[in-house]
Amino acid sequence: MNTTALKELLTWIADNELIMGHRHSEWTGLGPLLEEDIAFSSIAQDKLGHALAMYTLAHELCGSPQPDVNAFQRAGADFTCSQFVELPNGEYDFSLIRHFLFDAAEFHRYGMLASSSVDALAKLARKVQGEIKYHLYHGKSWVVQLASQGTAASKARMQAALTYAWPYALGMFEPGKYDAELADAGVFAGEKALQQEWLAFVEATFAEAGLDIPQGVQPVYGGRGGQHSEHLPQLLEEMTEVVRIDPEATW
């Protein structure tokens, strides 16, 4: 197995988990309901744990830097996350839509990885998918409730959030340069296959919610190759504030 290909895949997944986890953590103390405050904080913690697990695999299997170095001591251009996870939280409607779309993708991603030919990755994927199942249930429940059981205003806000999020969400499936090689080796079937599974799932959910998926939209790519939005530098500045005080400190 080409360790460069595996490292690229693991880092892509870990970077998305890390940045999404940081965005979720920004709702701590600011959620519209106490239960939601706790829910987003808990989900954020899980995301950081998933990122740590993927960085650890990349270190152990592919020779990547230690997880803390990978997470907190890289330049922004070296990150490979999609621009979708970088976007500011905005209002709660957008955060819920992003939460649902991201976790739907991750639930199916880890489901595919659960049969990976890399045993350590397959074992980890089965564990992580079991955790993400609850994240996905949370996001889906709120999307359906606010769009189909709320007011006309709440449905309109959810539709606007979906319309804005959709091209960025499609960027979660930016092809990797090793996709064919990884598929041939039985490591991962690839982003195209994942997007098809995800699309079938979210289409059914949005039909239940009465929301329309935008048509003819071009995906926002670039993040996997280091081309990021203007929001990532500020996020990294905040996220690495403590470690930059003493990068060599141990805890």
C-alpha atoms as a PDB file:
ATOM      1  CA  MET A   1       0.000   0.000   0.000  1.00  0.00           C
ATOM      2  CA  ASN A   2       1.290   3.453  -0.937  1.00  0.00           C
ATOM      3  CA  THR A   3       1.710   5.189   2.424  1.00  0.00           C
ATOM      4  CA  THR A   4       1.598   8.604   0.736  1.00  0.00           C
ATOM      5  CA  ALA A   5      -1.899   7.858  -0.556  1.00  0.00           C
ATOM      6  CA  LEU A   6      -3.057   6.609   2.826  1.00  0.00           C
ATOM      7  CA  LYS A   7      -1.544   9.602   4.618  1.00  0.00           C
ATOM      8  CA  GLU A   8      -3.340  12.002   2.284  1.00  0.00           C
ATOM      9  CA  LEU A   9      -6.669  10.290   2.965  1.00  0.00           C
ATOM     10  CA  LEU A  10      -6.232  10.176   6.740  1.00  0.00           C
ATOM     11  CA  THR A  11      -5.101  13.801   6.892  1.00  0.00           C
ATOM     12  CA  TRP A  12      -8.036  14.931   4.730  1.00  0.00           C
ATOM     13  CA  ILE A  13     -10.472  13.246   7.106  1.00  0.00           C
ATOM     14  CA  ALA A  14      -8.694  14.461  10.248  1.00  0.00           C
ATOM     15  CA  ASP A  15      -8.445  18.063   9.086  1.00  0.00           C
ATOM     16  CA  ASN A  16     -12.173  18.197   8.346  1.00  0.00           C
ATOM     17  CA  GLU A  17     -13.001  16.687  11.742  1.00  0.00           C
ATOM     18  CA  LEU A  18     -10.667  19.089  13.566  1.00  0.00           C
ATOM     19  CA  ILE A  19     -11.962  22.275  11.971  1.00  0.00           C
ATOM     20  CA  MET A  20     -15.600  21.186  12.197  1.00  0.00           C
ATOM     21  CA  GLY A  21     -15.068  20.370  15.850  1.00  0.00           C
ATOM     22  CA  HIS A  22     -13.637  23.821  16.488  1.00  0.00           C
ATOM     23  CA  ARG A  23     -16.587  25.507  14.800  1.00  0.00           C
ATOM     24  CA  HIS A  24     -19.034  23.436  16.845  1.00  0.00           C
ATOM     25  CA  SER A  25     -17.169  24.342  20.040  1.00  0.00           C
ATOM     26  CA  GLU A  26     -17.856  28.016  19.365  1.00  0.00           C
ATOM     27  CA  TRP A  27     -21.498  27.398  20.304  1.00  0.00           C
ATOM     28  CA  THR A  28     -20.489  26.528  23.866  1.00  0.00           C
ATOM     29  CA  GLY A  29     -22.330  28.963  26.109  1.00  0.00           C
ATOM     30  CA  LEU A  30     -24.188  30.470  23.150  1.00  0.00           C
ATOM     31  CA  GLY A  31     -26.715  27.824  22.159  1.00  0.00           C
ATOM     32  CA  PRO A  32     -30.363  28.919  21.877  1.00  0.00           C
ATOM     33  CA  LEU A  33     -31.357  26.238  24.405  1.00  0.00           C
ATOM     34  CA  LEU A  34     -29.373  24.702  27.250  1.00  0.00           C
ATOM     35  CA  GLU A  35     -29.814  21.266  25.708  1.00  0.00           C
ATOM     36  CA  GLU A  36     -28.423  22.509  22.403  1.00  0.00           C
ATOM     37  CA  ASP A  37     -25.525  24.212  24.140  1.00  0.00           C
ATOM     38  CA  ILE A  38     -24.623  20.873  25.710  1.00  0.00           C
ATOM     39  CA  ALA A  39     -25.286  18.907  22.519  1.00  0.00           C
ATOM     40  CA  PHE A  40     -22.994  20.992  20.312  1.00  0.00           C
ATOM     41  CA  SER A  41     -20.278  21.003  22.975  1.00  0.00           C
ATOM     42  CA  SER A  42     -20.458  17.217  23.239  1.00  0.00           C
ATOM     43  CA  ILE A  43     -20.420  16.747  19.473  1.00  0.00           C
ATOM     44  CA  ALA A  44     -17.443  19.105  19.203  1.00  0.00           C
ATOM     45  CA  GLN A  45     -15.546  17.005  21.733  1.00  0.00           C
ATOM     46  CA  ASP A  46     -16.266  13.864  19.724  1.00  0.00           C
ATOM     47  CA  LYS A  47     -15.048  15.523  16.521  1.00  0.00           C
ATOM     48  CA  LEU A  48     -11.750  16.438  18.142  1.00  0.00           C
ATOM     49  CA  GLY A  49     -11.416  12.862  19.335  1.00  0.00           C
ATOM     50  CA  HIS A  50     -12.030  11.561  15.820  1.00  0.00           C
ATOM     51  CA  ALA A  51      -9.439  13.967  14.445  1.00  0.00           C
ATOM     52  CA  LEU A  52      -6.920  12.808  17.046  1.00  0.00           C
ATOM     53  CA  ALA A  53      -7.553   9.180  16.138  1.00  0.00           C
ATOM     54  CA  MET A  54      -6.989   9.866  12.421  1.00  0.00           C
ATOM     55  CA  TYR A  55      -3.852  11.942  13.022  1.00  0.00           C
ATOM     56  CA  THR A  56      -2.576   9.131  15.236  1.00  0.00           C
ATOM     57  CA  LEU A  57      -3.136   6.555  12.498  1.00  0.00           C
ATOM     58  CA  ALA A  58      -1.384   8.814  10.001  1.00  0.00           C
ATOM     59  CA  HIS A  59       1.563   9.037  12.403  1.00  0.00           C
ATOM     60  CA  GLU A  60       1.724   5.328  13.172  1.00  0.00           C
ATOM     61  CA  LEU A  61       1.063   3.958   9.679  1.00  0.00           C
ATOM     62  CA  CYS A  62       2.479   6.662   7.413  1.00  0.00           C
ATOM     63  CA  GLY A  63       5.119   8.563   9.390  1.00  0.00           C
ATOM     64  CA  SER A  64       3.162  11.817   9.689  1.00  0.00           C
ATOM     65  CA  PRO A  65       4.125  14.209  12.499  1.00  0.00           C
ATOM     66  CA  GLN A  66       2.783  13.677  15.998  1.00  0.00           C
ATOM     67  CA  PRO A  67      -0.950  14.523  16.237  1.00  0.00           C
ATOM     68  CA  ASP A  68      -0.470  17.759  18.208  1.00  0.00           C
ATOM     69  CA  VAL A  69       2.097  18.971  15.693  1.00  0.00           C
ATOM     70  CA  ASN A  70      -0.199  18.116  12.801  1.00  0.00           C
ATOM     71  CA  ALA A  71      -3.158  19.842  14.407  1.00  0.00           C
ATOM     72  CA  PHE A  72      -1.562  22.949  15.890  1.00  0.00           C
ATOM     73  CA  GLN A  73       1.752  23.675  14.190  1.00  0.00           C
ATOM     74  CA  ARG A  74       1.009  23.642  10.464  1.00  0.00           C
ATOM     75  CA  ALA A  75       0.550  26.663   8.236  1.00  0.00           C
ATOM     76  CA  GLY A  76      -2.935  27.274   6.888  1.00  0.00           C
ATOM     77  CA  ALA A  77      -1.906  26.351   3.345  1.00  0.00           C
ATOM     78  CA  ASP A  78      -0.867  22.907   4.606  1.00  0.00           C
ATOM     79  CA  PHE A  79      -4.380  22.089   5.809  1.00  0.00           C
ATOM     80  CA  THR A  80      -6.510  19.993   3.483  1.00  0.00           C
ATOM     81  CA  CYS A  81     -10.005  20.550   4.920  1.00  0.00           C
ATOM     82  CA  SER A  82     -12.927  21.565   2.742  1.00  0.00           C
ATOM     83  CA  GLN A  83     -14.001  25.186   2.780  1.00  0.00           C
ATOM     84  CA  PHE A  84     -17.388  24.048   4.099  1.00  0.00           C
ATOM     85  CA  VAL A  85     -16.056  23.420   7.603  1.00  0.00           C
ATOM     86  CA  GLU A  86     -14.171  26.732   7.659  1.00  0.00           C
ATOM     87  CA  LEU A  87     -17.226  28.926   7.245  1.00  0.00           C
ATOM     88  CA  PRO A  88     -18.249  30.934  10.330  1.00  0.00           C
ATOM     89  CA  ASN A  89     -21.190  29.561  12.288  1.00  0.00           C
ATOM     90  CA  GLY A  90     -23.469  32.469  11.462  1.00  0.00           C
ATOM     91  CA  GLU A  91     -27.011  31.922  12.695  1.00  0.00           C
ATOM     92  CA  TYR A  92     -28.197  28.674  14.202  1.00  0.00           C
ATOM     93  CA  ASP A  93     -30.059  27.642  11.057  1.00  0.00           C
ATOM     94  CA  PHE A  94     -26.833  27.441   9.054  1.00  0.00           C
ATOM     95  CA  SER A  95     -24.994  25.607  11.831  1.00  0.00           C
ATOM     96  CA  LEU A  96     -27.761  22.991  11.977  1.00  0.00           C
ATOM     97  CA  ILE A  97     -27.813  22.503   8.215  1.00  0.00           C
ATOM     98  CA  ARG A  98     -24.018  22.175   8.126  1.00  0.00           C
ATOM     99  CA  HIS A  99     -24.084  19.828  11.120  1.00  0.00           C
ATOM    100  CA  PHE A 100     -26.579  17.550   9.363  1.00  0.00           C
ATOM    101  CA  LEU A 101     -24.861  17.602   5.968  1.00  0.00           C
ATOM    102  CA  PHE A 102     -21.413  17.019   7.445  1.00  0.00           C
ATOM    103  CA  ASP A 103     -22.452  14.187   9.726  1.00  0.00           C
ATOM    104  CA  ALA A 104     -24.453  12.515   6.974  1.00  0.00           C
ATOM    105  CA  ALA A 105     -21.276  12.486   4.897  1.00  0.00           C
ATOM    106  CA  GLU A 106     -19.121  11.269   7.775  1.00  0.00           C
ATOM    107  CA  PHE A 107     -21.586   8.544   8.778  1.00  0.00           C
ATOM    108  CA  HIS A 108     -21.433   7.083   5.288  1.00  0.00           C
ATOM    109  CA  ARG A 109     -17.692   7.696   4.959  1.00  0.00           C
ATOM    110  CA  TYR A 110     -16.926   5.688   8.076  1.00  0.00           C
ATOM    111  CA  GLY A 111     -19.416   3.067   6.984  1.00  0.00           C
ATOM    112  CA  MET A 112     -17.394   2.593   3.802  1.00  0.00           C
ATOM    113  CA  LEU A 113     -14.110   2.632   5.711  1.00  0.00           C
ATOM    114  CA  ALA A 114     -15.409  -0.076   8.057  1.00  0.00           C
ATOM    115  CA  SER A 115     -14.568  -2.629   5.346  1.00  0.00           C
ATOM    116  CA  SER A 116     -11.200  -1.073   4.472  1.00  0.00           C
ATOM    117  CA  SER A 117      -8.293  -3.377   3.687  1.00  0.00           C
ATOM    118  CA  VAL A 118      -6.278  -1.424   6.279  1.00  0.00           C
ATOM    119  CA  ASP A 119      -7.293  -3.290   9.420  1.00  0.00           C
ATOM    120  CA  ALA A 120      -6.497  -0.503  11.887  1.00  0.00           C
ATOM    121  CA  LEU A 121      -8.548   1.960   9.849  1.00  0.00           C
ATOM    122  CA  ALA A 122     -11.482  -0.441   9.515  1.00  0.00           C
ATOM    123  CA  LYS A 123     -11.535  -1.068  13.266  1.00  0.00           C
ATOM    124  CA  LEU A 124     -11.452   2.637  14.059  1.00  0.00           C
ATOM    125  CA  ALA A 125     -14.139   3.391  11.457  1.00  0.00           C
ATOM    126  CA  ARG A 126     -16.577   0.945  13.025  1.00  0.00           C
ATOM    127  CA  LYS A 127     -16.148   2.626  16.400  1.00  0.00           C
ATOM    128  CA  VAL A 128     -16.441   6.160  15.065  1.00  0.00           C
ATOM    129  CA  GLN A 129     -19.512   5.415  12.955  1.00  0.00           C
ATOM    130  CA  GLY A 130     -21.298   4.214  16.072  1.00  0.00           C
ATOM    131  CA  GLU A 131     -20.687   7.599  17.687  1.00  0.00           C
ATOM    132  CA  ILE A 132     -21.601   9.640  14.615  1.00  0.00           C
ATOM    133  CA  LYS A 133     -24.938   7.835  14.421  1.00  0.00           C
ATOM    134  CA  TYR A 134     -26.114   9.945  17.360  1.00  0.00           C
ATOM    135  CA  HIS A 135     -24.723  13.159  15.886  1.00  0.00           C
ATOM    136  CA  LEU A 136     -26.613  12.469  12.683  1.00  0.00           C
ATOM    137  CA  TYR A 137     -29.839  11.723  14.528  1.00  0.00           C
ATOM    138  CA  HIS A 138     -29.540  15.039  16.373  1.00  0.00           C
ATOM    139  CA  GLY A 139     -28.951  17.067  13.226  1.00  0.00           C
ATOM    140  CA  LYS A 140     -31.619  15.335  11.174  1.00  0.00           C
ATOM    141  CA  SER A 141     -34.232  15.691  13.914  1.00  0.00           C
ATOM    142  CA  TRP A 142     -33.774  19.432  14.176  1.00  0.00           C
ATOM    143  CA  VAL A 143     -33.702  20.007  10.422  1.00  0.00           C
ATOM    144  CA  VAL A 144     -36.966  18.108   9.924  1.00  0.00           C
ATOM    145  CA  GLN A 145     -38.612  19.669  12.953  1.00  0.00           C
ATOM    146  CA  LEU A 146     -37.758  23.277  12.099  1.00  0.00           C
ATOM    147  CA  ALA A 147     -38.600  22.907   8.411  1.00  0.00           C
ATOM    148  CA  SER A 148     -41.760  20.796   8.531  1.00  0.00           C
ATOM    149  CA  GLN A 149     -43.153  21.313  12.017  1.00  0.00           C
ATOM    150  CA  GLY A 150     -42.194  24.906  12.722  1.00  0.00           C
ATOM    151  CA  THR A 151     -43.436  28.199  11.354  1.00  0.00           C
ATOM    152  CA  ALA A 152     -43.299  29.514   7.814  1.00  0.00           C
ATOM    153  CA  ALA A 153     -40.433  31.730   8.954  1.00  0.00           C
ATOM    154  CA  SER A 154     -38.424  28.832  10.372  1.00  0.00           C
ATOM    155  CA  LYS A 155     -38.898  26.827   7.170  1.00  0.00           C
ATOM    156  CA  ALA A 156     -37.800  29.797   5.056  1.00  0.00           C
ATOM    157  CA  ARG A 157     -34.679  30.226   7.170  1.00  0.00           C
ATOM    158  CA  MET A 158     -33.789  26.552   6.860  1.00  0.00           C
ATOM    159  CA  GLN A 159     -34.301  26.709   3.089  1.00  0.00           C
ATOM    160  CA  ALA A 160     -32.067  29.776   2.820  1.00  0.00           C
ATOM    161  CA  ALA A 161     -29.400  28.072   4.918  1.00  0.00           C
ATOM    162  CA  LEU A 162     -29.528  24.970   2.713  1.00  0.00           C
ATOM    163  CA  THR A 163     -29.299  27.021  -0.473  1.00  0.00           C
ATOM    164  CA  TYR A 164     -26.236  28.848   0.840  1.00  0.00           C
ATOM    165  CA  ALA A 165     -24.575  25.714   2.214  1.00  0.00           C
ATOM    166  CA  TRP A 166     -25.111  23.380  -0.742  1.00  0.00           C
ATOM    167  CA  PRO A 167     -22.175  24.304  -3.033  1.00  0.00           C
ATOM    168  CA  TYR A 168     -19.828  24.234  -0.050  1.00  0.00           C
ATOM    169  CA  ALA A 169     -21.271  20.910   1.104  1.00  0.00           C
ATOM    170  CA  LEU A 170     -20.529  19.387  -2.296  1.00  0.00           C
ATOM    171  CA  GLY A 171     -16.921  20.421  -1.680  1.00  0.00           C
ATOM    172  CA  MET A 172     -16.741  17.751   1.034  1.00  0.00           C
ATOM    173  CA  PHE A 173     -16.351  15.253  -1.806  1.00  0.00           C
ATOM    174  CA  GLU A 174     -13.447  16.919  -3.562  1.00  0.00           C
ATOM    175  CA  PRO A 175     -11.606  14.120  -5.368  1.00  0.00           C
ATOM    176  CA  GLY A 176      -8.204  13.134  -4.060  1.00  0.00           C
ATOM    177  CA  LYS A 177      -5.329  12.469  -6.417  1.00  0.00           C
ATOM    178  CA  TYR A 178      -4.996   8.929  -5.043  1.00  0.00           C
ATOM    179  CA  ASP A 179      -8.682   7.965  -5.141  1.00  0.00           C
ATOM    180  CA  ALA A 180      -8.250   5.344  -7.876  1.00  0.00           C
ATOM    181  CA  GLU A 181      -5.227   3.823  -6.171  1.00  0.00           C
ATOM    182  CA  LEU A 182      -6.995   3.657  -2.803  1.00  0.00           C
ATOM    183  CA  ALA A 183     -10.038   2.057  -4.404  1.00  0.00           C
ATOM    184  CA  ASP A 184      -7.938  -0.545  -6.231  1.00  0.00           C
ATOM    185  CA  ALA A 185      -6.223  -1.430  -2.954  1.00  0.00           C
ATOM    186  CA  GLY A 186      -9.543  -1.785  -1.155  1.00  0.00           C
ATOM    187  CA  VAL A 187      -8.750   1.038   1.244  1.00  0.00           C
ATOM    188  CA  PHE A 188     -11.579   3.406   0.330  1.00  0.00           C
ATOM    189  CA  ALA A 189     -14.049   3.391  -2.550  1.00  0.00           C
ATOM    190  CA  GLY A 190     -13.546   7.102  -3.268  1.00  0.00           C
ATOM    191  CA  GLU A 191     -15.309  10.439  -2.960  1.00  0.00           C
ATOM    192  CA  LYS A 192     -17.601   9.906  -5.950  1.00  0.00           C
ATOM    193  CA  ALA A 193     -19.032   6.719  -4.469  1.00  0.00           C
ATOM    194  CA  LEU A 194     -19.380   8.405  -1.095  1.00  0.00           C
ATOM    195  CA  GLN A 195     -21.201  11.385  -2.578  1.00  0.00           C
ATOM    196  CA  GLN A 196     -23.740   9.101  -4.230  1.00  0.00           C
ATOM    197  CA  GLU A 197     -24.547   7.399  -0.901  1.00  0.00           C
ATOM    198  CA  TRP A 198     -24.747  10.742   0.883  1.00  0.00           C
ATOM    199  CA  LEU A 199     -26.954  12.306  -1.764  1.00  0.00           C
ATOM    200  CA  ALA A 200     -29.509   9.501  -1.574  1.00  0.00           C
ATOM    201  CA  PHE A 201     -29.690   9.907   2.198  1.00  0.00           C
ATOM    202  CA  VAL A 202     -29.995  13.698   2.325  1.00  0.00           C
ATOM    203  CA  GLU A 203     -32.494  13.790  -0.540  1.00  0.00           C
ATOM    204  CA  ALA A 204     -34.827  11.576   1.476  1.00  0.00           C
ATOM    205  CA  THR A 205     -34.404  13.740   4.562  1.00  0.00           C
ATOM    206  CA  PHE A 206     -35.024  17.008   2.747  1.00  0.00           C
ATOM    207  CA  ALA A 207     -38.097  15.529   1.062  1.00  0.00           C
ATOM    208  CA  GLU A 208     -39.412  14.679   4.529  1.00  0.00           C
ATOM    209  CA  ALA A 209     -38.593  18.212   5.688  1.00  0.00           C
ATOM    210  CA  GLY A 210     -40.144  19.840   2.628  1.00  0.00           C
ATOM    211  CA  LEU A 211     -36.914  21.554   1.617  1.00  0.00           C
ATOM    212  CA  ASP A 212     -35.662  21.923  -1.954  1.00  0.00           C
ATOM    213  CA  ILE A 213     -32.118  20.945  -2.869  1.00  0.00           C
ATOM    214  CA  PRO A 214     -30.513  23.544  -5.165  1.00  0.00           C
ATOM    215  CA  GLN A 215     -29.974  22.322  -8.714  1.00  0.00           C
ATOM    216  CA  GLY A 216     -27.163  23.007 -11.163  1.00  0.00           C
ATOM    217  CA  VAL A 217     -24.740  24.094  -8.434  1.00  0.00           C
ATOM    218  CA  GLN A 218     -20.978  23.935  -8.852  1.00  0.00           C
ATOM    219  CA  PRO A 219     -19.058  22.472  -5.890  1.00  0.00           C
ATOM    220  CA  VAL A 220     -16.673  24.724  -3.992  1.00  0.00           C
ATOM    221  CA  TYR A 221     -13.402  22.814  -4.293  1.00  0.00           C
ATOM    222  CA  GLY A 222      -9.853  23.792  -3.449  1.00  0.00           C
ATOM    223  CA  GLY A 223      -9.476  23.023   0.230  1.00  0.00           C
ATOM    224  CA  ARG A 224      -8.001  19.577  -0.335  1.00  0.00           C
ATOM    225  CA  GLY A 225      -5.214  21.218  -2.313  1.00  0.00           C
ATOM    226  CA  GLY A 226      -4.571  23.958   0.242  1.00  0.00           C
ATOM    227  CA  GLN A 227      -6.778  26.663  -1.275  1.00  0.00           C
ATOM    228  CA  HIS A 228      -8.868  27.970   1.582  1.00  0.00           C
ATOM    229  CA  SER A 229     -11.370  30.660   2.386  1.00  0.00           C
ATOM    230  CA  GLU A 230     -10.469  33.878   4.117  1.00  0.00           C
ATOM    231  CA  HIS A 231     -11.978  32.436   7.303  1.00  0.00           C
ATOM    232  CA  LEU A 232      -9.392  29.728   7.960  1.00  0.00           C
ATOM    233  CA  PRO A 233      -6.465  31.976   9.034  1.00  0.00           C
ATOM    234  CA  GLN A 234      -8.511  33.624  11.773  1.00  0.00           C
ATOM    235  CA  LEU A 235      -9.836  30.269  12.944  1.00  0.00           C
ATOM    236  CA  LEU A 236      -6.308  28.852  13.166  1.00  0.00           C
ATOM    237  CA  GLU A 237      -5.102  31.955  14.970  1.00  0.00           C
ATOM    238  CA  GLU A 238      -7.727  31.398  17.655  1.00  0.00           C
ATOM    239  CA  MET A 239      -7.342  27.620  17.771  1.00  0.00           C
ATOM    240  CA  THR A 240      -3.560  27.700  18.232  1.00  0.00           C
ATOM    241  CA  GLU A 241      -3.372  30.675  20.603  1.00  0.00           C
ATOM    242  CA  VAL A 242      -2.394  28.624  23.649  1.00  0.00           C
ATOM    243  CA  VAL A 243       0.069  26.275  21.969  1.00  0.00           C
ATOM    244  CA  ARG A 244       1.897  29.190  20.344  1.00  0.00           C
ATOM    245  CA  ILE A 245       2.807  30.506  23.810  1.00  0.00           C
ATOM    246  CA  ASP A 246       5.150  27.518  24.231  1.00  0.00           C
ATOM    247  CA  PRO A 247       5.070  25.005  21.364  1.00  0.00           C
ATOM    248  CA  GLU A 248       7.447  22.658  23.221  1.00  0.00           C
ATOM    249  CA  ALA A 249       5.413  22.523  26.433  1.00  0.00           C
ATOM    250  CA  THR A 250       4.230  19.160  27.728  1.00  0.00           C
ATOM    251  CA  TRP A 251       1.117  18.535  29.763  1.00  0.00           C
END
